[in-house]
Amino acid sequence: MHTLNTKNNFWRLKKYGLLYCLIILPIVYLVLFKYVPMYGIVLAFRQHYPGRAIFGEHWVGLKYFKMFLTDNTFWKVFKNTLLLSIFNLIISFPIPIIFALMLNEIKSKNSKKFIQTVSYLPRFFSTVVVVGIIKSLLSPSTGIVNEVIQFFTGDKILFLSEPGWFRTIYIFSDVWQFMGWNAILYIAALSGIDNQQYEAAMIDGANRWKQTIHITIPGIMPTIIICFTLAVGNMLMIGFEKVLLLYSPIIYSTADILQTFVFRMGIDQGHFSYSTAVGLFQSLISLVLLWTTNWFARKYTDYSLW
């Protein structure tokens, strides 16, 4: 029996060897950049001195956690992160679903492919390119948005210098960049709904709206719940690169978030133990959010991550 299993495994490896090779790089990436750095968490509990032991000199317990929990700047940053995350979730999460439902109503295959291609394209722009586009459009001197505003009102708006505009700019740029890409899962789920259900509903006299409410949305509900659970778990993990490239000290009051705070404390000021403690706290909050959302999904629906 053991010989037979060995032969079967060898045959499977020989047949699917190239496919197995494809997962080598992702596994190496996960190990090197996700698991190995986890040992660095010890810095949150050790005193670190620049230029000396990389993982700190001696244990200090919860010293750095107490420091940021009593730091007013930290709580301002935490508030900014929470508000931006909640607003982003409320606006950015349902839009891909609505987009997928609208795209599903288009009968022309060529039109559907064209719209899909145009909507997917921004996802492949680098963050630097996206921020460059944003700055060009909103520039007070040459930006087309300000040109239009000046034409109608005679004034210009310093979008990137006014704290009140930061969240709006960030969220709507996120919607533009990721709407089409995030809709892929819902489009795939829509293609799996049995057409016979729609035919039966039409015979019963249901219009398109009722078909959407009673067939389409329940058909993609498992996908919606899973994506929502993951989105809540990642609420605090806002796009660090975009915020870093968009913000400046003049708009710290709304733009400074946990990731930029960690970057500034750790890389700019060399407080590695303090920034590690803040980063660990952020990860723990994200874990609690993920577990809580999954618990509610499992309790009140038939779908959950585990």
Protein backbone atom coordinates (compact mmCIF):
# COMPACT_ATOMS: atom_id res chain seq x y z
CA MET A 1 0.00 0.00 0.00
CA HIS A 2 2.83 2.38 0.88
CA THR A 3 4.50 1.68 -2.48
CA LEU A 4 1.24 2.35 -4.30
CA ASN A 5 0.79 5.71 -2.54
CA THR A 6 4.38 6.66 -3.36
CA LYS A 7 3.81 5.86 -7.05
CA ASN A 8 0.59 7.87 -7.07
CA ASN A 9 2.32 10.85 -5.47
CA PHE A 10 5.21 10.65 -7.93
CA TRP A 11 2.78 10.43 -10.86
CA ARG A 12 0.84 13.43 -9.54
CA LEU A 13 4.03 15.42 -9.04
CA LYS A 14 5.20 14.57 -12.57
CA LYS A 15 1.84 15.48 -14.13
CA TYR A 16 1.23 18.70 -12.20
CA GLY A 17 4.87 19.67 -11.55
CA LEU A 18 4.66 22.97 -13.41
CA LEU A 19 1.56 23.96 -11.46
CA TYR A 20 3.30 23.17 -8.19
CA CYS A 21 6.23 25.31 -9.30
CA LEU A 22 3.88 28.27 -9.67
CA ILE A 23 3.18 28.32 -5.93
CA ILE A 24 6.85 28.26 -4.92
CA LEU A 25 7.33 32.03 -5.26
CA PRO A 26 4.10 32.93 -3.35
CA ILE A 27 5.13 30.55 -0.54
CA VAL A 28 8.63 32.05 -0.40
CA TYR A 29 7.10 35.54 -0.38
CA LEU A 30 4.75 34.66 2.51
CA VAL A 31 7.52 33.08 4.55
CA LEU A 32 10.08 35.86 4.02
CA PHE A 33 7.81 38.90 4.25
CA LYS A 34 4.90 37.73 6.42
CA TYR A 35 6.14 35.07 8.85
CA VAL A 36 9.84 35.81 9.39
CA PRO A 37 9.21 39.49 10.30
CA MET A 38 6.75 38.36 12.98
CA TYR A 39 9.72 37.72 15.26
CA GLY A 40 10.25 41.48 15.25
CA ILE A 41 7.16 41.80 17.46
CA VAL A 42 9.49 41.28 20.44
CA LEU A 43 10.65 44.87 19.88
CA ALA A 44 7.34 46.04 21.34
CA PHE A 45 8.41 44.57 24.68
CA ARG A 46 12.13 45.40 24.62
CA GLN A 47 14.19 48.58 24.93
CA HIS A 48 15.84 49.37 21.59
CA TYR A 49 18.83 51.64 21.14
CA PRO A 50 19.76 52.80 17.61
CA GLY A 51 22.99 51.23 16.40
CA ARG A 52 22.96 48.44 18.98
CA ALA A 53 21.15 45.07 19.25
CA ILE A 54 18.54 44.88 16.48
CA PHE A 55 15.94 43.21 18.71
CA GLY A 56 16.55 45.37 21.75
CA GLU A 57 18.73 45.13 24.84
CA HIS A 58 16.39 44.22 27.71
CA TRP A 59 12.72 43.53 28.42
CA VAL A 60 10.52 46.44 29.49
CA GLY A 61 7.13 44.67 29.48
CA LEU A 62 4.17 46.86 28.50
CA LYS A 63 6.06 50.15 28.81
CA TYR A 64 5.48 51.24 25.21
CA PHE A 65 1.83 50.20 25.22
CA LYS A 66 1.27 52.42 28.25
CA MET A 67 3.12 55.22 26.47
CA PHE A 68 0.91 55.32 23.38
CA LEU A 69 -2.29 54.70 25.35
CA THR A 70 -1.58 57.91 27.26
CA ASP A 71 -0.35 59.82 24.20
CA ASN A 72 -2.89 62.40 22.95
CA THR A 73 -1.28 62.38 19.50
CA PHE A 74 -1.87 58.63 19.22
CA TRP A 75 -5.57 58.97 20.00
CA LYS A 76 -5.95 61.72 17.39
CA VAL A 77 -4.28 59.45 14.85
CA PHE A 78 -6.45 56.52 15.91
CA LYS A 79 -9.57 58.67 15.52
CA ASN A 80 -8.45 59.73 12.01
CA THR A 81 -7.82 56.10 11.05
CA LEU A 82 -11.17 54.95 12.41
CA LEU A 83 -13.17 57.71 10.73
CA LEU A 84 -11.43 57.28 7.37
CA SER A 85 -11.89 53.49 7.58
CA ILE A 86 -15.59 53.69 8.41
CA PHE A 87 -16.37 56.26 5.72
CA ASN A 88 -14.33 54.29 3.20
CA LEU A 89 -16.16 51.06 4.09
CA ILE A 90 -19.60 52.67 3.90
CA ILE A 91 -18.93 54.21 0.49
CA SER A 92 -16.44 51.87 -1.17
CA PHE A 93 -17.96 48.51 -0.22
CA PRO A 94 -21.45 48.74 -1.80
CA ILE A 95 -20.35 50.52 -5.00
CA PRO A 96 -18.69 47.44 -6.62
CA ILE A 97 -21.84 45.44 -5.85
CA ILE A 98 -24.05 48.05 -7.50
CA PHE A 99 -21.63 48.26 -10.42
CA ALA A 100 -21.71 44.46 -10.88
CA LEU A 101 -25.53 44.44 -10.79
CA MET A 102 -25.72 47.22 -13.37
CA LEU A 103 -23.13 45.53 -15.57
CA ASN A 104 -25.14 42.32 -15.39
CA GLU A 105 -28.10 44.12 -16.98
CA ILE A 106 -26.12 45.03 -20.12
CA LYS A 107 -27.02 42.62 -22.92
CA SER A 108 -24.40 43.63 -25.47
CA LYS A 109 -21.26 41.53 -24.91
CA ASN A 110 -19.00 44.06 -26.63
CA SER A 111 -20.29 46.93 -24.49
CA LYS A 112 -19.93 44.85 -21.34
CA LYS A 113 -16.33 43.90 -22.20
CA PHE A 114 -15.44 47.51 -22.94
CA ILE A 115 -16.90 48.77 -19.65
CA GLN A 116 -15.19 45.99 -17.71
CA THR A 117 -11.82 46.76 -19.29
CA VAL A 118 -12.13 50.48 -18.58
CA SER A 119 -13.17 49.85 -14.97
CA TYR A 120 -10.36 47.33 -14.32
CA LEU A 121 -7.62 49.50 -15.80
CA PRO A 122 -7.05 51.89 -12.83
CA ARG A 123 -6.27 48.89 -10.60
CA PHE A 124 -3.04 48.36 -12.54
CA PHE A 125 -1.82 51.92 -12.03
CA SER A 126 0.83 52.24 -9.34
CA THR A 127 -0.01 54.34 -6.29
CA VAL A 128 2.55 56.94 -7.39
CA VAL A 129 0.78 57.31 -10.75
CA VAL A 130 -2.64 57.58 -9.09
CA VAL A 131 -1.44 60.25 -6.68
CA GLY A 132 0.21 62.09 -9.59
CA ILE A 133 -3.11 62.09 -11.46
CA ILE A 134 -4.92 63.36 -8.35
CA LYS A 135 -2.43 66.18 -7.84
CA SER A 136 -2.59 67.17 -11.50
CA LEU A 137 -6.40 67.28 -11.51
CA LEU A 138 -6.63 69.20 -8.22
CA SER A 139 -3.70 71.56 -8.75
CA PRO A 140 -4.71 75.15 -7.86
CA SER A 141 -2.72 76.52 -10.80
CA THR A 142 -3.20 74.07 -13.68
CA GLY A 143 -5.73 71.49 -12.44
CA ILE A 144 -8.86 71.09 -14.57
CA VAL A 145 -11.07 70.78 -11.48
CA ASN A 146 -10.02 74.19 -10.21
CA GLU A 147 -10.33 75.64 -13.70
CA VAL A 148 -14.00 74.58 -13.78
CA ILE A 149 -14.60 75.85 -10.23
CA GLN A 150 -13.00 79.19 -11.04
CA PHE A 151 -15.08 79.50 -14.21
CA PHE A 152 -18.32 79.20 -12.23
CA THR A 153 -17.37 80.80 -8.90
CA GLY A 154 -14.28 82.89 -9.56
CA ASP A 155 -12.38 81.18 -6.75
CA LYS A 156 -10.05 78.22 -6.45
CA ILE A 157 -9.88 75.54 -3.76
CA LEU A 158 -6.61 74.31 -2.28
CA PHE A 159 -7.81 70.73 -2.06
CA LEU A 160 -4.54 69.20 -0.89
CA SER A 161 -3.89 71.92 1.67
CA GLU A 162 -7.26 71.88 3.42
CA PRO A 163 -7.78 69.13 6.06
CA GLY A 164 -11.50 68.93 5.37
CA TRP A 165 -10.98 67.69 1.81
CA PHE A 166 -8.54 64.85 2.53
CA ARG A 167 -11.03 62.08 3.34
CA THR A 168 -13.19 62.93 0.33
CA ILE A 169 -10.19 62.85 -2.01
CA TYR A 170 -8.88 59.59 -0.56
CA ILE A 171 -12.21 57.74 -0.63
CA PHE A 172 -13.28 58.76 -4.12
CA SER A 173 -9.85 58.05 -5.56
CA ASP A 174 -10.11 54.60 -3.94
CA VAL A 175 -13.53 54.05 -5.50
CA TRP A 176 -12.22 55.03 -8.93
CA GLN A 177 -9.15 52.83 -8.64
CA PHE A 178 -10.68 49.65 -7.18
CA MET A 179 -14.37 49.64 -8.11
CA GLY A 180 -14.02 47.52 -11.25
CA TRP A 181 -11.45 45.18 -9.72
CA ASN A 182 -13.52 44.55 -6.57
CA ALA A 183 -16.58 43.88 -8.73
CA ILE A 184 -14.94 40.83 -10.34
CA LEU A 185 -15.97 38.51 -7.51
CA TYR A 186 -19.58 39.67 -7.70
CA ILE A 187 -19.64 39.35 -11.48
CA ALA A 188 -18.34 35.79 -11.15
CA ALA A 189 -21.00 35.04 -8.52
CA LEU A 190 -23.71 36.47 -10.79
CA SER A 191 -22.67 34.16 -13.61
CA GLY A 192 -23.29 31.19 -11.32
CA ILE A 193 -26.98 31.95 -10.73
CA ASP A 194 -29.29 29.51 -12.52
CA ASN A 195 -31.15 31.23 -15.39
CA GLN A 196 -34.13 28.97 -14.79
CA GLN A 197 -34.88 30.99 -11.66
CA TYR A 198 -35.22 34.15 -13.76
CA GLU A 199 -37.39 32.34 -16.31
CA ALA A 200 -39.70 31.08 -13.55
CA ALA A 201 -39.89 34.58 -12.05
CA MET A 202 -40.79 36.09 -15.43
CA ILE A 203 -43.58 33.54 -15.84
CA ASP A 204 -44.89 34.58 -12.42
CA GLY A 205 -44.86 38.21 -13.55
CA ALA A 206 -41.83 39.47 -11.61
CA ASN A 207 -40.17 42.54 -13.13
CA ARG A 208 -36.41 43.15 -13.21
CA TRP A 209 -36.42 44.93 -9.87
CA LYS A 210 -38.18 42.06 -8.10
CA GLN A 211 -35.88 39.56 -9.82
CA THR A 212 -32.90 41.49 -8.51
CA ILE A 213 -34.27 41.63 -4.95
CA HIS A 214 -35.45 38.01 -4.71
CA ILE A 215 -33.01 36.14 -6.97
CA THR A 216 -29.88 38.13 -7.84
CA ILE A 217 -28.97 39.57 -4.44
CA PRO A 218 -29.68 36.32 -2.51
CA GLY A 219 -27.61 34.51 -5.16
CA ILE A 220 -24.52 36.62 -4.44
CA MET A 221 -25.16 37.01 -0.71
CA PRO A 222 -22.48 34.45 0.31
CA THR A 223 -19.89 36.43 -1.65
CA ILE A 224 -21.10 39.71 -0.14
CA ILE A 225 -20.85 38.37 3.42
CA ILE A 226 -17.37 36.92 2.94
CA CYS A 227 -16.09 40.12 1.29
CA PHE A 228 -17.70 42.26 4.00
CA THR A 229 -16.08 40.18 6.74
CA LEU A 230 -12.66 40.59 5.13
CA ALA A 231 -13.27 44.30 4.54
CA VAL A 232 -14.11 44.89 8.22
CA GLY A 233 -11.02 42.91 9.24
CA ASN A 234 -8.90 45.18 7.05
CA MET A 235 -10.63 48.41 8.10
CA LEU A 236 -7.61 49.83 9.88
CA MET A 237 -5.19 48.71 7.16
CA ILE A 238 -5.72 51.78 5.00
CA GLY A 239 -3.56 52.32 1.93
CA PHE A 240 -0.38 53.63 3.55
CA GLU A 241 1.38 54.62 0.32
CA LYS A 242 -1.45 56.82 -0.95
CA VAL A 243 -1.84 58.61 2.37
CA LEU A 244 1.92 59.13 2.66
CA LEU A 245 2.10 60.65 -0.82
CA LEU A 246 -1.01 62.82 -0.38
CA TYR A 247 -0.58 64.22 3.09
CA SER A 248 1.59 66.96 4.54
CA PRO A 249 2.00 68.47 8.03
CA ILE A 250 -0.62 71.10 7.23
CA ILE A 251 -3.37 68.45 6.99
CA TYR A 252 -2.17 66.09 9.76
CA SER A 253 -5.38 66.84 11.69
CA THR A 254 -7.35 64.57 9.31
CA ALA A 255 -4.72 62.81 7.19
CA ASP A 256 -2.35 61.36 9.79
CA ILE A 257 -3.29 57.70 10.32
CA LEU A 258 -1.82 54.78 12.27
CA GLN A 259 0.43 53.57 9.43
CA THR A 260 1.95 57.00 8.81
CA PHE A 261 2.30 57.52 12.57
CA VAL A 262 4.19 54.21 12.85
CA PHE A 263 6.35 55.19 9.86
CA ARG A 264 7.14 58.58 11.32
CA MET A 265 7.91 57.24 14.81
CA GLY A 266 9.97 54.31 13.56
CA ILE A 267 11.78 55.37 10.38
CA ASP A 268 11.95 59.14 10.83
CA GLN A 269 12.53 59.36 14.58
CA GLY A 270 14.09 55.96 15.32
CA HIS A 271 11.61 54.94 18.05
CA PHE A 272 11.40 51.37 16.80
CA SER A 273 10.05 49.79 19.99
CA TYR A 274 7.32 52.41 20.32
CA SER A 275 6.25 52.12 16.67
CA THR A 276 6.26 48.31 16.89
CA ALA A 277 3.94 48.46 19.89
CA VAL A 278 1.54 50.73 17.98
CA GLY A 279 1.65 48.41 14.95
CA LEU A 280 0.97 45.35 17.13
CA PHE A 281 -1.97 47.13 18.76
CA GLN A 282 -3.38 47.91 15.30
CA SER A 283 -3.05 44.26 14.25
CA LEU A 284 -4.81 43.08 17.41
CA ILE A 285 -7.72 45.47 16.81
CA SER A 286 -7.99 44.20 13.22
CA LEU A 287 -8.03 40.59 14.48
CA VAL A 288 -10.82 41.41 16.95
CA LEU A 289 -12.85 43.13 14.21
CA LEU A 290 -12.40 40.15 11.87
CA TRP A 291 -13.34 37.60 14.55
CA THR A 292 -16.39 39.63 15.69
CA THR A 293 -17.72 40.15 12.16
CA ASN A 294 -17.25 36.48 11.35
CA TRP A 295 -19.06 35.52 14.58
CA PHE A 296 -22.06 37.67 13.65
CA ALA A 297 -22.03 36.28 10.09
CA ARG A 298 -21.99 32.71 11.38
CA LYS A 299 -24.69 33.41 13.98
CA TYR A 300 -27.20 35.23 11.78
CA THR A 301 -26.47 33.77 8.33
CA ASP A 302 -25.35 30.47 6.83
CA TYR A 303 -22.05 31.86 5.60
CA SER A 304 -18.77 32.67 7.34
CA LEU A 305 -15.01 32.40 6.90
CA TRP A 306 -14.74 29.64 9.50
